[in-house]
């Protein structure tokens, strides 16, 4: 399946869906990518459940996605649209599980503070269940999609489908499954 490189919005304007690998050296791109992920998930049901207060939730979600992006840049691969409105964070086989050392390196130490005690406890309960299911459902080598998000105004335009292609093609060629929990 070959996806179009440019799609049209409802007014006929072109929307870039060109995807490239986000380099670790691109600090500006990383900042924009993390912000896009945070905006994509700030109103996600799990985040609202964890932190009902909108202002605190915005800061908490940004800290979480800053850390997930940092981990994927260091241990996996991050793909983004050229305008950084969409981002996919992948971890390769053997690196799909976040260790304590990796959590510290990624900056996860700020996440409990940002979510607050109650919010972090709720988020941790989800994470515990998610990890158990991940181990049960994907015990074989696999690519793990740790996060994929698109700016709210760009959702529904094929951006996420384009973001998936680089790794889905490689996984298919290698005969490896991919895993995502949502």
Protein backbone atom coordinates (compact mmCIF):
# COMPACT_ATOMS: atom_id res chain seq x y z
CA UNK A 1 0.00 0.00 0.00
CA UNK A 2 1.55 3.28 -1.12
CA UNK A 3 0.15 6.31 0.71
CA UNK A 4 -0.02 9.73 -0.91
CA UNK A 5 2.72 12.15 0.14
CA UNK A 6 0.31 15.12 0.09
CA UNK A 7 -3.35 15.17 1.06
CA UNK A 8 -5.93 17.90 0.61
CA UNK A 9 -7.92 19.48 3.40
CA UNK A 10 -11.63 20.34 3.04
CA UNK A 11 -10.70 23.63 1.29
CA UNK A 12 -8.41 21.95 -1.24
CA UNK A 13 -5.17 23.16 0.37
CA UNK A 14 -2.31 20.71 0.43
CA UNK A 15 -1.33 19.24 3.77
CA UNK A 16 2.20 17.88 3.96
CA UNK A 17 2.42 14.28 5.12
CA UNK A 18 6.08 13.82 4.23
CA UNK A 19 7.60 11.86 7.06
CA UNK A 20 11.22 11.75 8.10
CA UNK A 21 13.21 10.37 11.00
CA UNK A 22 13.63 12.94 13.77
CA UNK A 23 17.33 13.20 14.63
CA UNK A 24 18.55 13.46 18.21
CA UNK A 25 20.49 16.56 17.19
CA UNK A 26 17.33 18.50 16.22
CA UNK A 27 16.40 20.19 19.51
CA UNK A 28 13.86 22.50 17.88
CA UNK A 29 12.18 19.59 16.12
CA UNK A 30 12.06 17.65 19.38
CA UNK A 31 10.43 20.56 21.19
CA UNK A 32 7.81 20.90 18.45
CA UNK A 33 7.24 17.11 18.33
CA UNK A 34 6.76 16.85 22.10
CA UNK A 35 4.34 19.77 22.03
CA UNK A 36 2.33 18.08 19.25
CA UNK A 37 2.15 14.83 21.23
CA UNK A 38 1.04 16.70 24.34
CA UNK A 39 -1.70 18.57 22.44
CA UNK A 40 -2.84 15.31 20.84
CA UNK A 41 -3.27 13.66 24.26
CA UNK A 42 -4.19 16.45 26.66
CA UNK A 43 -7.90 15.61 26.39
CA UNK A 44 -7.44 11.84 26.03
CA UNK A 45 -9.75 9.99 28.46
CA UNK A 46 -6.88 8.44 30.43
CA UNK A 47 -5.21 11.83 30.92
CA UNK A 48 -8.49 13.47 31.99
CA UNK A 49 -9.07 10.58 34.43
CA UNK A 50 -5.55 10.93 35.83
CA UNK A 51 -5.66 14.74 36.15
CA UNK A 52 -9.13 16.31 35.89
CA UNK A 53 -7.76 19.87 36.35
CA UNK A 54 -6.98 21.15 32.84
CA UNK A 55 -4.01 23.44 33.67
CA UNK A 56 -2.19 20.79 35.70
CA UNK A 57 -3.06 18.12 33.11
CA UNK A 58 -1.43 20.18 30.33
CA UNK A 59 1.86 20.38 32.24
CA UNK A 60 1.67 16.72 33.27
CA UNK A 61 0.95 15.43 29.77
CA UNK A 62 3.78 17.55 28.35
CA UNK A 63 6.23 16.10 30.91
CA UNK A 64 5.10 12.56 30.10
CA UNK A 65 5.47 12.97 26.34
CA UNK A 66 8.77 14.85 26.66
CA UNK A 67 10.08 11.76 28.49
CA UNK A 68 8.57 9.21 26.07
CA UNK A 69 10.01 11.12 23.12
CA UNK A 70 13.44 11.35 24.78
CA UNK A 71 13.45 7.60 25.46
CA UNK A 72 12.46 6.75 21.89
CA UNK A 73 15.09 9.08 20.46
CA UNK A 74 17.79 7.40 22.57
CA UNK A 75 16.71 3.76 22.31
CA UNK A 76 14.47 3.60 19.26
CA UNK A 77 13.35 5.68 16.32
CA UNK A 78 11.08 8.70 16.07
CA UNK A 79 9.34 9.64 12.85
CA UNK A 80 7.60 12.96 12.35
CA UNK A 81 5.96 14.96 9.64
CA UNK A 82 8.22 17.68 8.34
CA UNK A 83 6.07 20.30 10.06
CA UNK A 84 6.23 18.18 13.27
CA UNK A 85 2.42 18.12 13.53
CA UNK A 86 2.49 14.32 13.79
CA UNK A 87 4.91 12.06 15.64
CA UNK A 88 5.42 8.31 16.03
CA UNK A 89 7.79 6.96 18.71
CA UNK A 90 8.99 3.40 18.09
CA UNK A 91 11.09 1.02 20.17
CA UNK A 92 12.77 -1.92 18.41
CA UNK A 93 12.71 -5.57 19.47
CA UNK A 94 14.61 -6.02 22.73
CA UNK A 95 14.16 -2.40 23.80
CA UNK A 96 10.40 -2.25 24.16
CA UNK A 97 10.33 -2.28 27.97
CA UNK A 98 11.24 0.88 29.87
CA UNK A 99 13.74 0.14 32.66
CA UNK A 100 14.32 2.32 35.73
CA UNK A 101 17.64 3.53 34.31
CA UNK A 102 15.94 4.48 31.05
CA UNK A 103 13.18 6.26 32.95
CA UNK A 104 15.78 8.38 34.74
CA UNK A 105 17.69 9.10 31.51
CA UNK A 106 14.48 10.14 29.77
CA UNK A 107 13.53 12.60 32.50
CA UNK A 108 10.59 10.63 33.91
CA UNK A 109 11.48 11.85 37.41
CA UNK A 110 9.38 14.97 36.82
CA UNK A 111 6.28 13.01 35.76
CA UNK A 112 5.07 12.06 39.29
CA UNK A 113 5.52 15.66 40.39
CA UNK A 114 3.58 17.02 37.43
CA UNK A 115 0.71 14.52 37.79
CA UNK A 116 0.55 14.93 41.59
CA UNK A 117 0.11 12.02 44.01
CA UNK A 118 -3.45 11.09 43.03
CA UNK A 119 -2.94 11.58 39.30
CA UNK A 120 0.30 9.63 39.28
CA UNK A 121 -1.31 6.79 41.26
CA UNK A 122 -4.10 6.58 38.67
CA UNK A 123 -1.61 6.70 35.79
CA UNK A 124 0.56 4.05 37.47
CA UNK A 125 -2.42 1.70 37.84
CA UNK A 126 -3.00 1.92 34.08
CA UNK A 127 0.72 1.45 33.39
CA UNK A 128 0.88 -1.65 35.59
CA UNK A 129 -2.02 -3.23 33.73
CA UNK A 130 -0.58 -2.14 30.37
CA UNK A 131 2.80 -3.73 31.14
CA UNK A 132 1.19 -7.00 32.21
CA UNK A 133 -0.87 -7.14 29.01
CA UNK A 134 2.17 -6.24 26.93
CA UNK A 135 4.15 -9.14 28.42
CA UNK A 136 1.23 -11.52 27.93
CA UNK A 137 0.18 -10.49 24.42
CA UNK A 138 3.58 -9.79 22.88
CA UNK A 139 6.18 -12.13 24.40
CA UNK A 140 7.94 -12.49 21.01
CA UNK A 141 10.36 -9.97 19.49
CA UNK A 142 8.34 -7.02 18.17
CA UNK A 143 8.36 -3.33 17.39
CA UNK A 144 6.58 -1.31 20.08
CA UNK A 145 4.78 1.89 19.16
CA UNK A 146 5.17 3.74 22.45
CA UNK A 147 3.36 6.85 21.23
CA UNK A 148 1.74 8.21 18.11
CA UNK A 149 -0.04 11.53 18.03
CA UNK A 150 -1.19 14.19 15.61
CA UNK A 151 -2.09 17.82 16.28
CA UNK A 152 -5.88 17.97 16.82
CA UNK A 153 -6.51 20.15 13.75
CA UNK A 154 -4.63 17.65 11.53
CA UNK A 155 -6.33 14.49 12.81
CA UNK A 156 -8.37 12.46 10.34
CA UNK A 157 -6.20 13.49 7.36
CA UNK A 158 -4.00 10.40 7.00
CA UNK A 159 -1.06 11.79 8.97
CA UNK A 160 -0.92 8.88 11.44
CA UNK A 161 -1.12 6.35 8.60
CA UNK A 162 1.88 8.02 6.94
CA UNK A 163 3.80 8.03 10.25
CA UNK A 164 3.34 4.27 10.64
CA UNK A 165 4.73 3.34 7.23
CA UNK A 166 8.53 3.42 7.80
CA UNK A 167 8.48 0.85 10.60
CA UNK A 168 5.50 -1.18 9.34
CA UNK A 169 7.37 -1.74 6.08
CA UNK A 170 10.53 -2.83 7.92
CA UNK A 171 8.58 -5.02 10.34
CA UNK A 172 6.73 -6.69 7.47
CA UNK A 173 10.00 -7.32 5.61
CA UNK A 174 11.52 -8.87 8.75
CA UNK A 175 8.37 -10.82 9.64
CA UNK A 176 8.03 -9.03 12.98
CA UNK A 177 4.78 -7.99 14.65
CA UNK A 178 4.13 -4.52 16.04
CA UNK A 179 2.43 -3.72 19.35
CA UNK A 180 0.49 -0.72 20.62
CA UNK A 181 -1.79 -0.39 23.61
CA UNK A 182 -4.51 2.21 23.67
